[in-house]
């Protein structure tokens, strides 16, 4: 009985110590759970046919265009950028997520 109680306490402690990822919906092709992060609405501008990431000047299209990156739908209603190793100063992005209805 004592071992069962000890095991229950250990499981409870691990559950508290290891919270789930808040943004575990990021797809594998965009990140490895450390490349993506939320960005403010004012870091993105609407341009004809898509969105421009102000920090880099990159344009993400709302429809498939050969040779262009396509914006993805953000299930949490916010903007998110993915860059290698989560480098916020990187001049190239892997993915951009926009809120539903924004495109």
PDB file of N, CA and C in Angstrom:
ATOM      1  N   UNK A   1       0.827  -1.195   0.000  1.00  0.00           N
ATOM      2  CA  UNK A   1       0.000   0.000   0.000  1.00  0.00           C
ATOM      3  C   UNK A   1       0.872   1.260   0.000  1.00  0.00           C
ATOM      4  N   UNK A   2       1.956   1.194   0.734  1.00  0.00           N
ATOM      5  CA  UNK A   2       2.840   2.349   0.822  1.00  0.00           C
ATOM      6  C   UNK A   2       3.456   2.669  -0.550  1.00  0.00           C
ATOM      7  N   UNK A   3       3.780   1.623  -1.323  1.00  0.00           N
ATOM      8  CA  UNK A   3       4.360   1.820  -2.653  1.00  0.00           C
ATOM      9  C   UNK A   3       3.347   2.457  -3.605  1.00  0.00           C
ATOM     10  N   UNK A   4       2.111   2.067  -3.484  1.00  0.00           N
ATOM     11  CA  UNK A   4       1.062   2.637  -4.333  1.00  0.00           C
ATOM     12  C   UNK A   4       0.897   4.117  -4.030  1.00  0.00           C
ATOM     13  N   UNK A   5       0.898   4.472  -2.758  1.00  0.00           N
ATOM     14  CA  UNK A   5       0.775   5.874  -2.361  1.00  0.00           C
ATOM     15  C   UNK A   5       1.977   6.674  -2.857  1.00  0.00           C
ATOM     16  N   UNK A   6       3.171   6.123  -2.739  1.00  0.00           N
ATOM     17  CA  UNK A   6       4.381   6.802  -3.217  1.00  0.00           C
ATOM     18  C   UNK A   6       4.321   7.015  -4.727  1.00  0.00           C
ATOM     19  N   UNK A   7       3.856   6.016  -5.439  1.00  0.00           N
ATOM     20  CA  UNK A   7       3.731   6.119  -6.886  1.00  0.00           C
ATOM     21  C   UNK A   7       2.711   7.195  -7.266  1.00  0.00           C
ATOM     22  N   UNK A   8       1.606   7.256  -6.559  1.00  0.00           N
ATOM     23  CA  UNK A   8       0.577   8.263  -6.828  1.00  0.00           C
ATOM     24  C   UNK A   8       1.126   9.672  -6.602  1.00  0.00           C
ATOM     25  N   UNK A   9       1.896   9.855  -5.545  1.00  0.00           N
ATOM     26  CA  UNK A   9       2.494  11.162  -5.256  1.00  0.00           C
ATOM     27  C   UNK A   9       3.494  11.533  -6.354  1.00  0.00           C
ATOM     28  N   UNK A  10       4.291  10.582  -6.800  1.00  0.00           N
ATOM     29  CA  UNK A  10       5.265  10.828  -7.861  1.00  0.00           C
ATOM     30  C   UNK A  10       4.574  11.226  -9.163  1.00  0.00           C
ATOM     31  N   UNK A  11       3.534  10.521  -9.531  1.00  0.00           N
ATOM     32  CA  UNK A  11       2.790  10.831 -10.756  1.00  0.00           C
ATOM     33  C   UNK A  11       2.175  12.226 -10.665  1.00  0.00           C
ATOM     34  N   UNK A  12       1.603  12.567  -9.528  1.00  0.00           N
ATOM     35  CA  UNK A  12       1.010  13.895  -9.344  1.00  0.00           C
ATOM     36  C   UNK A  12       2.072  14.986  -9.442  1.00  0.00           C
ATOM     37  N   UNK A  13       3.232  14.755  -8.855  1.00  0.00           N
ATOM     38  CA  UNK A  13       4.314  15.740  -8.908  1.00  0.00           C
ATOM     39  C   UNK A  13       4.804  15.946 -10.336  1.00  0.00           C
ATOM     40  N   UNK A  14       4.927  14.881 -11.096  1.00  0.00           N
ATOM     41  CA  UNK A  14       5.356  14.997 -12.486  1.00  0.00           C
ATOM     42  C   UNK A  14       4.324  15.727 -13.334  1.00  0.00           C
ATOM     43  N   UNK A  15       3.067  15.501 -13.067  1.00  0.00           N
ATOM     44  CA  UNK A  15       2.002  16.168 -13.825  1.00  0.00           C
ATOM     45  C   UNK A  15       2.051  17.671 -13.610  1.00  0.00           C
ATOM     46  N   UNK A  16       2.350  18.103 -12.406  1.00  0.00           N
ATOM     47  CA  UNK A  16       2.437  19.529 -12.099  1.00  0.00           C
ATOM     48  C   UNK A  16       3.726  20.113 -12.662  1.00  0.00           C
ATOM     49  N   UNK A  17       4.809  19.380 -12.594  1.00  0.00           N
ATOM     50  CA  UNK A  17       6.115  19.874 -13.021  1.00  0.00           C
ATOM     51  C   UNK A  17       6.269  19.935 -14.535  1.00  0.00           C
ATOM     52  N   UNK A  18       5.463  19.209 -15.288  1.00  0.00           N
ATOM     53  CA  UNK A  18       5.600  19.140 -16.745  1.00  0.00           C
ATOM     54  C   UNK A  18       4.311  19.564 -17.432  1.00  0.00           C
ATOM     55  N   UNK A  19       4.006  20.867 -17.436  1.00  0.00           N
ATOM     56  CA  UNK A  19       2.776  21.300 -18.101  1.00  0.00           C
ATOM     57  C   UNK A  19       2.859  21.078 -19.607  1.00  0.00           C
ATOM     58  N   UNK A  20       1.704  20.912 -20.238  1.00  0.00           N
ATOM     59  CA  UNK A  20       1.685  20.687 -21.681  1.00  0.00           C
ATOM     60  C   UNK A  20       2.048  21.973 -22.413  1.00  0.00           C
ATOM     61  N   UNK A  21       2.518  21.830 -23.639  1.00  0.00           N
ATOM     62  CA  UNK A  21       2.881  22.971 -24.458  1.00  0.00           C
ATOM     63  C   UNK A  21       1.620  23.759 -24.812  1.00  0.00           C
ATOM     64  N   UNK A  22       1.683  25.071 -24.685  1.00  0.00           N
ATOM     65  CA  UNK A  22       0.539  25.907 -25.015  1.00  0.00           C
ATOM     66  C   UNK A  22       0.306  25.958 -26.523  1.00  0.00           C
ATOM     67  N   UNK A  23       1.355  25.766 -27.289  1.00  0.00           N
ATOM     68  CA  UNK A  23       1.240  25.848 -28.745  1.00  0.00           C
ATOM     69  C   UNK A  23       1.667  24.541 -29.388  1.00  0.00           C
ATOM     70  N   UNK A  24       1.145  23.448 -28.884  1.00  0.00           N
ATOM     71  CA  UNK A  24       1.533  22.145 -29.417  1.00  0.00           C
ATOM     72  C   UNK A  24       0.866  21.846 -30.759  1.00  0.00           C
ATOM     73  N   UNK A  25       0.122  22.803 -31.302  1.00  0.00           N
ATOM     74  CA  UNK A  25      -0.523  22.614 -32.593  1.00  0.00           C
ATOM     75  C   UNK A  25       0.388  22.987 -33.761  1.00  0.00           C
ATOM     76  N   UNK A  26       1.549  23.570 -33.507  1.00  0.00           N
ATOM     77  CA  UNK A  26       2.442  23.925 -34.608  1.00  0.00           C
ATOM     78  C   UNK A  26       2.788  22.665 -35.406  1.00  0.00           C
ATOM     79  N   UNK A  27       2.618  22.681 -36.729  1.00  0.00           N
ATOM     80  CA  UNK A  27       2.918  21.488 -37.527  1.00  0.00           C
ATOM     81  C   UNK A  27       4.427  21.251 -37.652  1.00  0.00           C
ATOM     82  N   UNK A  28       4.782  20.010 -37.855  1.00  0.00           N
ATOM     83  CA  UNK A  28       6.184  19.602 -37.935  1.00  0.00           C
ATOM     84  C   UNK A  28       6.933  20.355 -39.032  1.00  0.00           C
ATOM     85  N   UNK A  29       6.277  20.616 -40.166  1.00  0.00           N
ATOM     86  CA  UNK A  29       6.981  21.287 -41.260  1.00  0.00           C
ATOM     87  C   UNK A  29       7.360  22.730 -40.925  1.00  0.00           C
ATOM     88  N   UNK A  30       6.776  23.287 -39.877  1.00  0.00           N
ATOM     89  CA  UNK A  30       7.094  24.659 -39.481  1.00  0.00           C
ATOM     90  C   UNK A  30       8.067  24.742 -38.316  1.00  0.00           C
ATOM     91  N   UNK A  31       8.111  23.724 -37.510  1.00  0.00           N
ATOM     92  CA  UNK A  31       8.971  23.846 -36.335  1.00  0.00           C
ATOM     93  C   UNK A  31       9.175  22.524 -35.627  1.00  0.00           C
ATOM     94  N   UNK A  32      10.035  22.573 -34.654  1.00  0.00           N
ATOM     95  CA  UNK A  32      10.272  21.418 -33.797  1.00  0.00           C
ATOM     96  C   UNK A  32       9.944  21.789 -32.354  1.00  0.00           C
ATOM     97  N   UNK A  33       8.921  22.592 -32.167  1.00  0.00           N
ATOM     98  CA  UNK A  33       8.434  23.074 -30.870  1.00  0.00           C
ATOM     99  C   UNK A  33       9.367  24.089 -30.225  1.00  0.00           C
ATOM    100  N   UNK A  34      10.339  24.612 -30.967  1.00  0.00           N
ATOM    101  CA  UNK A  34      11.148  25.695 -30.416  1.00  0.00           C
ATOM    102  C   UNK A  34      11.379  26.796 -31.440  1.00  0.00           C
ATOM    103  N   UNK A  35      10.849  26.625 -32.650  1.00  0.00           N
ATOM    104  CA  UNK A  35      11.052  27.606 -33.706  1.00  0.00           C
ATOM    105  C   UNK A  35       9.943  28.651 -33.779  1.00  0.00           C
ATOM    106  N   UNK A  36       8.756  28.344 -33.271  1.00  0.00           N
ATOM    107  CA  UNK A  36       7.593  29.213 -33.431  1.00  0.00           C
ATOM    108  C   UNK A  36       7.269  29.963 -32.147  1.00  0.00           C
ATOM    109  N   UNK A  37       6.714  31.158 -32.327  1.00  0.00           N
ATOM    110  CA  UNK A  37       6.368  31.998 -31.183  1.00  0.00           C
ATOM    111  C   UNK A  37       5.308  33.018 -31.606  1.00  0.00           C
ATOM    112  N   UNK A  38       4.489  33.467 -30.655  1.00  0.00           N
ATOM    113  CA  UNK A  38       3.477  34.477 -30.962  1.00  0.00           C
ATOM    114  C   UNK A  38       4.133  35.821 -31.288  1.00  0.00           C
ATOM    115  N   UNK A  39       3.506  36.585 -32.170  1.00  0.00           N
ATOM    116  CA  UNK A  39       3.956  37.943 -32.467  1.00  0.00           C
ATOM    117  C   UNK A  39       2.755  38.877 -32.373  1.00  0.00           C
ATOM    118  N   UNK A  40       3.025  40.163 -32.198  1.00  0.00           N
ATOM    119  CA  UNK A  40       1.958  41.160 -32.091  1.00  0.00           C
ATOM    120  C   UNK A  40       1.317  41.414 -33.451  1.00  0.00           C
ATOM    121  N   UNK A  41       0.057  41.816 -33.421  1.00  0.00           N
ATOM    122  CA  UNK A  41      -0.676  42.125 -34.655  1.00  0.00           C
ATOM    123  C   UNK A  41       0.033  43.194 -35.480  1.00  0.00           C
ATOM    124  N   UNK A  42       0.667  44.158 -34.808  1.00  0.00           N
ATOM    125  CA  UNK A  42       1.300  45.251 -35.545  1.00  0.00           C
ATOM    126  C   UNK A  42       2.617  44.849 -36.218  1.00  0.00           C
ATOM    127  N   UNK A  43       3.034  43.602 -36.062  1.00  0.00           N
ATOM    128  CA  UNK A  43       4.238  43.108 -36.735  1.00  0.00           C
ATOM    129  C   UNK A  43       3.922  42.547 -38.118  1.00  0.00           C
ATOM    130  N   UNK A  44       2.631  42.540 -38.466  1.00  0.00           N
ATOM    131  CA  UNK A  44       2.174  41.983 -39.744  1.00  0.00           C
ATOM    132  C   UNK A  44       1.298  43.019 -40.431  1.00  0.00           C
ATOM    133  N   UNK A  45       1.461  43.172 -41.733  1.00  0.00           N
ATOM    134  CA  UNK A  45       0.577  44.073 -42.471  1.00  0.00           C
ATOM    135  C   UNK A  45      -0.083  43.309 -43.613  1.00  0.00           C
ATOM    136  N   UNK A  46      -1.294  43.718 -43.925  1.00  0.00           N
ATOM    137  CA  UNK A  46      -2.051  43.123 -45.022  1.00  0.00           C
ATOM    138  C   UNK A  46      -1.586  43.765 -46.326  1.00  0.00           C
ATOM    139  N   UNK A  47      -1.263  42.946 -47.304  1.00  0.00           N
ATOM    140  CA  UNK A  47      -0.862  43.420 -48.631  1.00  0.00           C
ATOM    141  C   UNK A  47      -1.712  42.673 -49.656  1.00  0.00           C
ATOM    142  N   UNK A  48      -1.800  43.165 -50.888  1.00  0.00           N
ATOM    143  CA  UNK A  48      -2.590  42.445 -51.886  1.00  0.00           C
ATOM    144  C   UNK A  48      -2.136  40.988 -52.011  1.00  0.00           C
ATOM    145  N   UNK A  49      -3.065  40.076 -51.792  1.00  0.00           N
ATOM    146  CA  UNK A  49      -2.786  38.652 -51.936  1.00  0.00           C
ATOM    147  C   UNK A  49      -2.129  37.979 -50.753  1.00  0.00           C
ATOM    148  N   UNK A  50      -1.951  38.715 -49.643  1.00  0.00           N
ATOM    149  CA  UNK A  50      -1.331  38.057 -48.496  1.00  0.00           C
ATOM    150  C   UNK A  50      -0.963  38.972 -47.351  1.00  0.00           C
ATOM    151  N   UNK A  51       0.078  38.577 -46.644  1.00  0.00           N
ATOM    152  CA  UNK A  51       0.547  39.288 -45.454  1.00  0.00           C
ATOM    153  C   UNK A  51       2.038  39.536 -45.568  1.00  0.00           C
ATOM    154  N   UNK A  52       2.464  40.693 -45.090  1.00  0.00           N
ATOM    155  CA  UNK A  52       3.889  41.017 -45.065  1.00  0.00           C
ATOM    156  C   UNK A  52       4.355  41.047 -43.623  1.00  0.00           C
ATOM    157  N   UNK A  53       5.419  40.324 -43.364  1.00  0.00           N
ATOM    158  CA  UNK A  53       6.043  40.330 -42.050  1.00  0.00           C
ATOM    159  C   UNK A  53       6.982  41.535 -42.027  1.00  0.00           C
ATOM    160  N   UNK A  54       6.660  42.527 -41.205  1.00  0.00           N
ATOM    161  CA  UNK A  54       7.395  43.790 -41.228  1.00  0.00           C
ATOM    162  C   UNK A  54       8.876  43.621 -40.903  1.00  0.00           C
ATOM    163  N   UNK A  55       9.219  42.725 -40.007  1.00  0.00           N
ATOM    164  CA  UNK A  55      10.617  42.555 -39.582  1.00  0.00           C
ATOM    165  C   UNK A  55      11.527  42.099 -40.716  1.00  0.00           C
ATOM    166  N   UNK A  56      10.980  41.342 -41.656  1.00  0.00           N
ATOM    167  CA  UNK A  56      11.815  40.761 -42.716  1.00  0.00           C
ATOM    168  C   UNK A  56      11.428  41.218 -44.115  1.00  0.00           C
ATOM    169  N   UNK A  57      10.218  41.755 -44.262  1.00  0.00           N
ATOM    170  CA  UNK A  57       9.720  42.120 -45.583  1.00  0.00           C
ATOM    171  C   UNK A  57       9.163  40.939 -46.354  1.00  0.00           C
ATOM    172  N   UNK A  58       9.180  39.755 -45.750  1.00  0.00           N
ATOM    173  CA  UNK A  58       8.669  38.557 -46.427  1.00  0.00           C
ATOM    174  C   UNK A  58       7.164  38.664 -46.623  1.00  0.00           C
ATOM    175  N   UNK A  59       6.698  38.167 -47.765  1.00  0.00           N
ATOM    176  CA  UNK A  59       5.266  38.124 -48.044  1.00  0.00           C
ATOM    177  C   UNK A  59       4.822  36.664 -48.039  1.00  0.00           C
ATOM    178  N   UNK A  60       3.750  36.408 -47.316  1.00  0.00           N
ATOM    179  CA  UNK A  60       3.135  35.080 -47.249  1.00  0.00           C
ATOM    180  C   UNK A  60       1.782  35.198 -47.923  1.00  0.00           C
ATOM    181  N   UNK A  61       1.564  34.409 -48.970  1.00  0.00           N
ATOM    182  CA  UNK A  61       0.338  34.509 -49.758  1.00  0.00           C
ATOM    183  C   UNK A  61      -0.819  33.765 -49.089  1.00  0.00           C
ATOM    184  N   UNK A  62      -2.032  34.176 -49.439  1.00  0.00           N
ATOM    185  CA  UNK A  62      -3.217  33.501 -48.909  1.00  0.00           C
ATOM    186  C   UNK A  62      -3.624  32.317 -49.781  1.00  0.00           C
ATOM    187  N   UNK A  63      -3.091  32.255 -50.989  1.00  0.00           N
ATOM    188  CA  UNK A  63      -3.358  31.140 -51.906  1.00  0.00           C
ATOM    189  C   UNK A  63      -2.023  30.603 -52.417  1.00  0.00           C
ATOM    190  N   UNK A  64      -2.006  29.337 -52.809  1.00  0.00           N
ATOM    191  CA  UNK A  64      -0.744  28.776 -53.310  1.00  0.00           C
ATOM    192  C   UNK A  64      -0.220  29.541 -54.530  1.00  0.00           C
ATOM    193  N   UNK A  65       1.024  29.962 -54.446  1.00  0.00           N
ATOM    194  CA  UNK A  65       1.704  30.632 -55.552  1.00  0.00           C
ATOM    195  C   UNK A  65       3.086  29.991 -55.664  1.00  0.00           C
ATOM    196  N   UNK A  66       3.428  29.447 -56.828  1.00  0.00           N
ATOM    197  CA  UNK A  66       4.739  28.805 -56.965  1.00  0.00           C
ATOM    198  C   UNK A  66       5.876  29.740 -56.541  1.00  0.00           C
ATOM    199  N   UNK A  67       6.760  29.218 -55.711  1.00  0.00           N
ATOM    200  CA  UNK A  67       7.913  29.987 -55.256  1.00  0.00           C
ATOM    201  C   UNK A  67       7.636  30.933 -54.101  1.00  0.00           C
ATOM    202  N   UNK A  68       6.405  30.965 -53.604  1.00  0.00           N
ATOM    203  CA  UNK A  68       6.049  31.847 -52.493  1.00  0.00           C
ATOM    204  C   UNK A  68       5.644  31.035 -51.267  1.00  0.00           C
ATOM    205  N   UNK A  69       5.872  31.604 -50.099  1.00  0.00           N
ATOM    206  CA  UNK A  69       5.427  30.966 -48.858  1.00  0.00           C
ATOM    207  C   UNK A  69       3.958  31.300 -48.648  1.00  0.00           C
ATOM    208  N   UNK A  70       3.203  30.338 -48.141  1.00  0.00           N
ATOM    209  CA  UNK A  70       1.773  30.538 -47.923  1.00  0.00           C
ATOM    210  C   UNK A  70       1.486  30.661 -46.434  1.00  0.00           C
ATOM    211  N   UNK A  71       0.669  31.664 -46.069  1.00  0.00           N
ATOM    212  CA  UNK A  71       0.270  31.847 -44.675  1.00  0.00           C
ATOM    213  C   UNK A  71      -0.572  30.652 -44.239  1.00  0.00           C
ATOM    214  N   UNK A  72      -0.501  30.319 -42.978  1.00  0.00           N
ATOM    215  CA  UNK A  72      -1.259  29.193 -42.426  1.00  0.00           C
ATOM    216  C   UNK A  72      -2.260  29.718 -41.401  1.00  0.00           C
ATOM    217  N   UNK A  73      -3.308  28.963 -41.174  1.00  0.00           N
ATOM    218  CA  UNK A  73      -4.368  29.315 -40.237  1.00  0.00           C
ATOM    219  C   UNK A  73      -3.894  29.093 -38.805  1.00  0.00           C
ATOM    220  N   UNK A  74      -4.146  30.066 -37.946  1.00  0.00           N
ATOM    221  CA  UNK A  74      -3.777  29.982 -36.532  1.00  0.00           C
ATOM    222  C   UNK A  74      -5.001  29.601 -35.705  1.00  0.00           C
ATOM    223  N   UNK A  75      -5.010  28.431 -35.081  1.00  0.00           N
ATOM    224  CA  UNK A  75      -6.187  28.003 -34.327  1.00  0.00           C
ATOM    225  C   UNK A  75      -6.420  28.759 -33.028  1.00  0.00           C
ATOM    226  N   UNK A  76      -5.445  29.536 -32.558  1.00  0.00           N
ATOM    227  CA  UNK A  76      -5.653  30.265 -31.298  1.00  0.00           C
ATOM    228  C   UNK A  76      -6.033  31.728 -31.518  1.00  0.00           C
ATOM    229  N   UNK A  77      -6.199  32.143 -32.780  1.00  0.00           N
ATOM    230  CA  UNK A  77      -6.654  33.494 -33.073  1.00  0.00           C
ATOM    231  C   UNK A  77      -5.570  34.553 -33.040  1.00  0.00           C
ATOM    232  N   UNK A  78      -4.314  34.158 -32.990  1.00  0.00           N
ATOM    233  CA  UNK A  78      -3.219  35.125 -32.962  1.00  0.00           C
ATOM    234  C   UNK A  78      -2.254  34.906 -34.110  1.00  0.00           C
ATOM    235  N   UNK A  79      -1.341  35.859 -34.258  1.00  0.00           N
ATOM    236  CA  UNK A  79      -0.277  35.718 -35.247  1.00  0.00           C
ATOM    237  C   UNK A  79       0.904  34.996 -34.605  1.00  0.00           C
ATOM    238  N   UNK A  80       1.568  34.156 -35.399  1.00  0.00           N
ATOM    239  CA  UNK A  80       2.739  33.417 -34.934  1.00  0.00           C
ATOM    240  C   UNK A  80       3.751  33.365 -36.068  1.00  0.00           C
ATOM    241  N   UNK A  81       5.013  33.516 -35.708  1.00  0.00           N
ATOM    242  CA  UNK A  81       6.101  33.399 -36.681  1.00  0.00           C
ATOM    243  C   UNK A  81       6.980  32.216 -36.295  1.00  0.00           C
ATOM    244  N   UNK A  82       7.481  31.513 -37.282  1.00  0.00           N
ATOM    245  CA  UNK A  82       8.443  30.435 -37.049  1.00  0.00           C
ATOM    246  C   UNK A  82       9.736  30.805 -37.759  1.00  0.00           C
ATOM    247  N   UNK A  83      10.823  30.829 -37.008  1.00  0.00           N
ATOM    248  CA  UNK A  83      12.149  31.084 -37.572  1.00  0.00           C
ATOM    249  C   UNK A  83      13.115  30.088 -36.954  1.00  0.00           C
ATOM    250  N   UNK A  84      14.201  29.821 -37.621  1.00  0.00           N
ATOM    251  CA  UNK A  84      15.129  28.795 -37.157  1.00  0.00           C
ATOM    252  C   UNK A  84      15.596  29.073 -35.733  1.00  0.00           C
ATOM    253  N   UNK A  85      15.422  28.071 -34.877  1.00  0.00           N
ATOM    254  CA  UNK A  85      15.770  28.144 -33.456  1.00  0.00           C
ATOM    255  C   UNK A  85      15.045  29.263 -32.718  1.00  0.00           C
ATOM    256  N   UNK A  86      13.920  29.718 -33.267  1.00  0.00           N
ATOM    257  CA  UNK A  86      13.141  30.760 -32.610  1.00  0.00           C
ATOM    258  C   UNK A  86      13.841  32.104 -32.570  1.00  0.00           C
ATOM    259  N   UNK A  87      14.780  32.328 -33.479  1.00  0.00           N
ATOM    260  CA  UNK A  87      15.549  33.575 -33.522  1.00  0.00           C
ATOM    261  C   UNK A  87      14.654  34.705 -34.023  1.00  0.00           C
ATOM    262  N   UNK A  88      14.273  35.591 -33.130  1.00  0.00           N
ATOM    263  CA  UNK A  88      13.370  36.691 -33.478  1.00  0.00           C
ATOM    264  C   UNK A  88      14.022  37.724 -34.392  1.00  0.00           C
ATOM    265  N   UNK A  89      15.327  37.714 -34.496  1.00  0.00           N
ATOM    266  CA  UNK A  89      16.032  38.661 -35.366  1.00  0.00           C
ATOM    267  C   UNK A  89      16.406  38.044 -36.715  1.00  0.00           C
ATOM    268  N   UNK A  90      16.050  36.789 -36.925  1.00  0.00           N
ATOM    269  CA  UNK A  90      16.365  36.113 -38.192  1.00  0.00           C
ATOM    270  C   UNK A  90      15.713  36.855 -39.354  1.00  0.00           C
ATOM    271  N   UNK A  91      16.402  36.935 -40.465  1.00  0.00           N
ATOM    272  CA  UNK A  91      15.879  37.628 -41.638  1.00  0.00           C
ATOM    273  C   UNK A  91      15.115  36.707 -42.582  1.00  0.00           C
ATOM    274  N   UNK A  92      14.866  35.486 -42.132  1.00  0.00           N
ATOM    275  CA  UNK A  92      14.105  34.521 -42.919  1.00  0.00           C
ATOM    276  C   UNK A  92      13.176  33.754 -41.984  1.00  0.00           C
ATOM    277  N   UNK A  93      11.987  33.480 -42.456  1.00  0.00           N
ATOM    278  CA  UNK A  93      10.995  32.761 -41.656  1.00  0.00           C
ATOM    279  C   UNK A  93      10.663  31.425 -42.297  1.00  0.00           C
ATOM    280  N   UNK A  94      10.249  30.488 -41.460  1.00  0.00           N
ATOM    281  CA  UNK A  94       9.813  29.186 -41.950  1.00  0.00           C
ATOM    282  C   UNK A  94       8.326  29.247 -42.266  1.00  0.00           C
ATOM    283  N   UNK A  95       7.539  29.782 -41.332  1.00  0.00           N
ATOM    284  CA  UNK A  95       6.081  29.855 -41.480  1.00  0.00           C
ATOM    285  C   UNK A  95       5.546  31.115 -40.816  1.00  0.00           C
ATOM    286  N   UNK A  96       4.359  31.513 -41.248  1.00  0.00           N
ATOM    287  CA  UNK A  96       3.604  32.582 -40.599  1.00  0.00           C
ATOM    288  C   UNK A  96       2.180  32.077 -40.426  1.00  0.00           C
ATOM    289  N   UNK A  97       1.643  32.238 -39.219  1.00  0.00           N
ATOM    290  CA  UNK A  97       0.265  31.860 -38.920  1.00  0.00           C
ATOM    291  C   UNK A  97      -0.539  33.128 -38.687  1.00  0.00           C
ATOM    292  N   UNK A  98      -1.753  33.171 -39.253  1.00  0.00           N
ATOM    293  CA  UNK A  98      -2.651  34.312 -39.094  1.00  0.00           C
ATOM    294  C   UNK A  98      -3.975  33.824 -38.526  1.00  0.00           C
ATOM    295  N   UNK A  99      -4.700  34.717 -37.831  1.00  0.00           N
ATOM    296  CA  UNK A  99      -5.986  34.322 -37.247  1.00  0.00           C
ATOM    297  C   UNK A  99      -7.006  33.939 -38.315  1.00  0.00           C
ATOM    298  N   UNK A 100      -7.939  33.062 -37.959  1.00  0.00           N
ATOM    299  CA  UNK A 100      -9.007  32.721 -38.900  1.00  0.00           C
ATOM    300  C   UNK A 100      -9.809  33.971 -39.248  1.00  0.00           C
ATOM    301  N   UNK A 101     -10.225  34.060 -40.470  1.00  0.00           N
ATOM    302  CA  UNK A 101     -10.996  35.212 -40.908  1.00  0.00           C
ATOM    303  C   UNK A 101     -10.125  36.382 -41.320  1.00  0.00           C
ATOM    304  N   UNK A 102      -8.830  36.314 -41.002  1.00  0.00           N
ATOM    305  CA  UNK A 102      -7.929  37.397 -41.388  1.00  0.00           C
ATOM    306  C   UNK A 102      -7.555  37.283 -42.862  1.00  0.00           C
ATOM    307  N   UNK A 103      -7.781  36.103 -43.441  1.00  0.00           N
ATOM    308  CA  UNK A 103      -7.466  35.931 -44.869  1.00  0.00           C
ATOM    309  C   UNK A 103      -8.523  35.140 -45.567  1.00  0.00           C
TER     310      UNK A 103
END
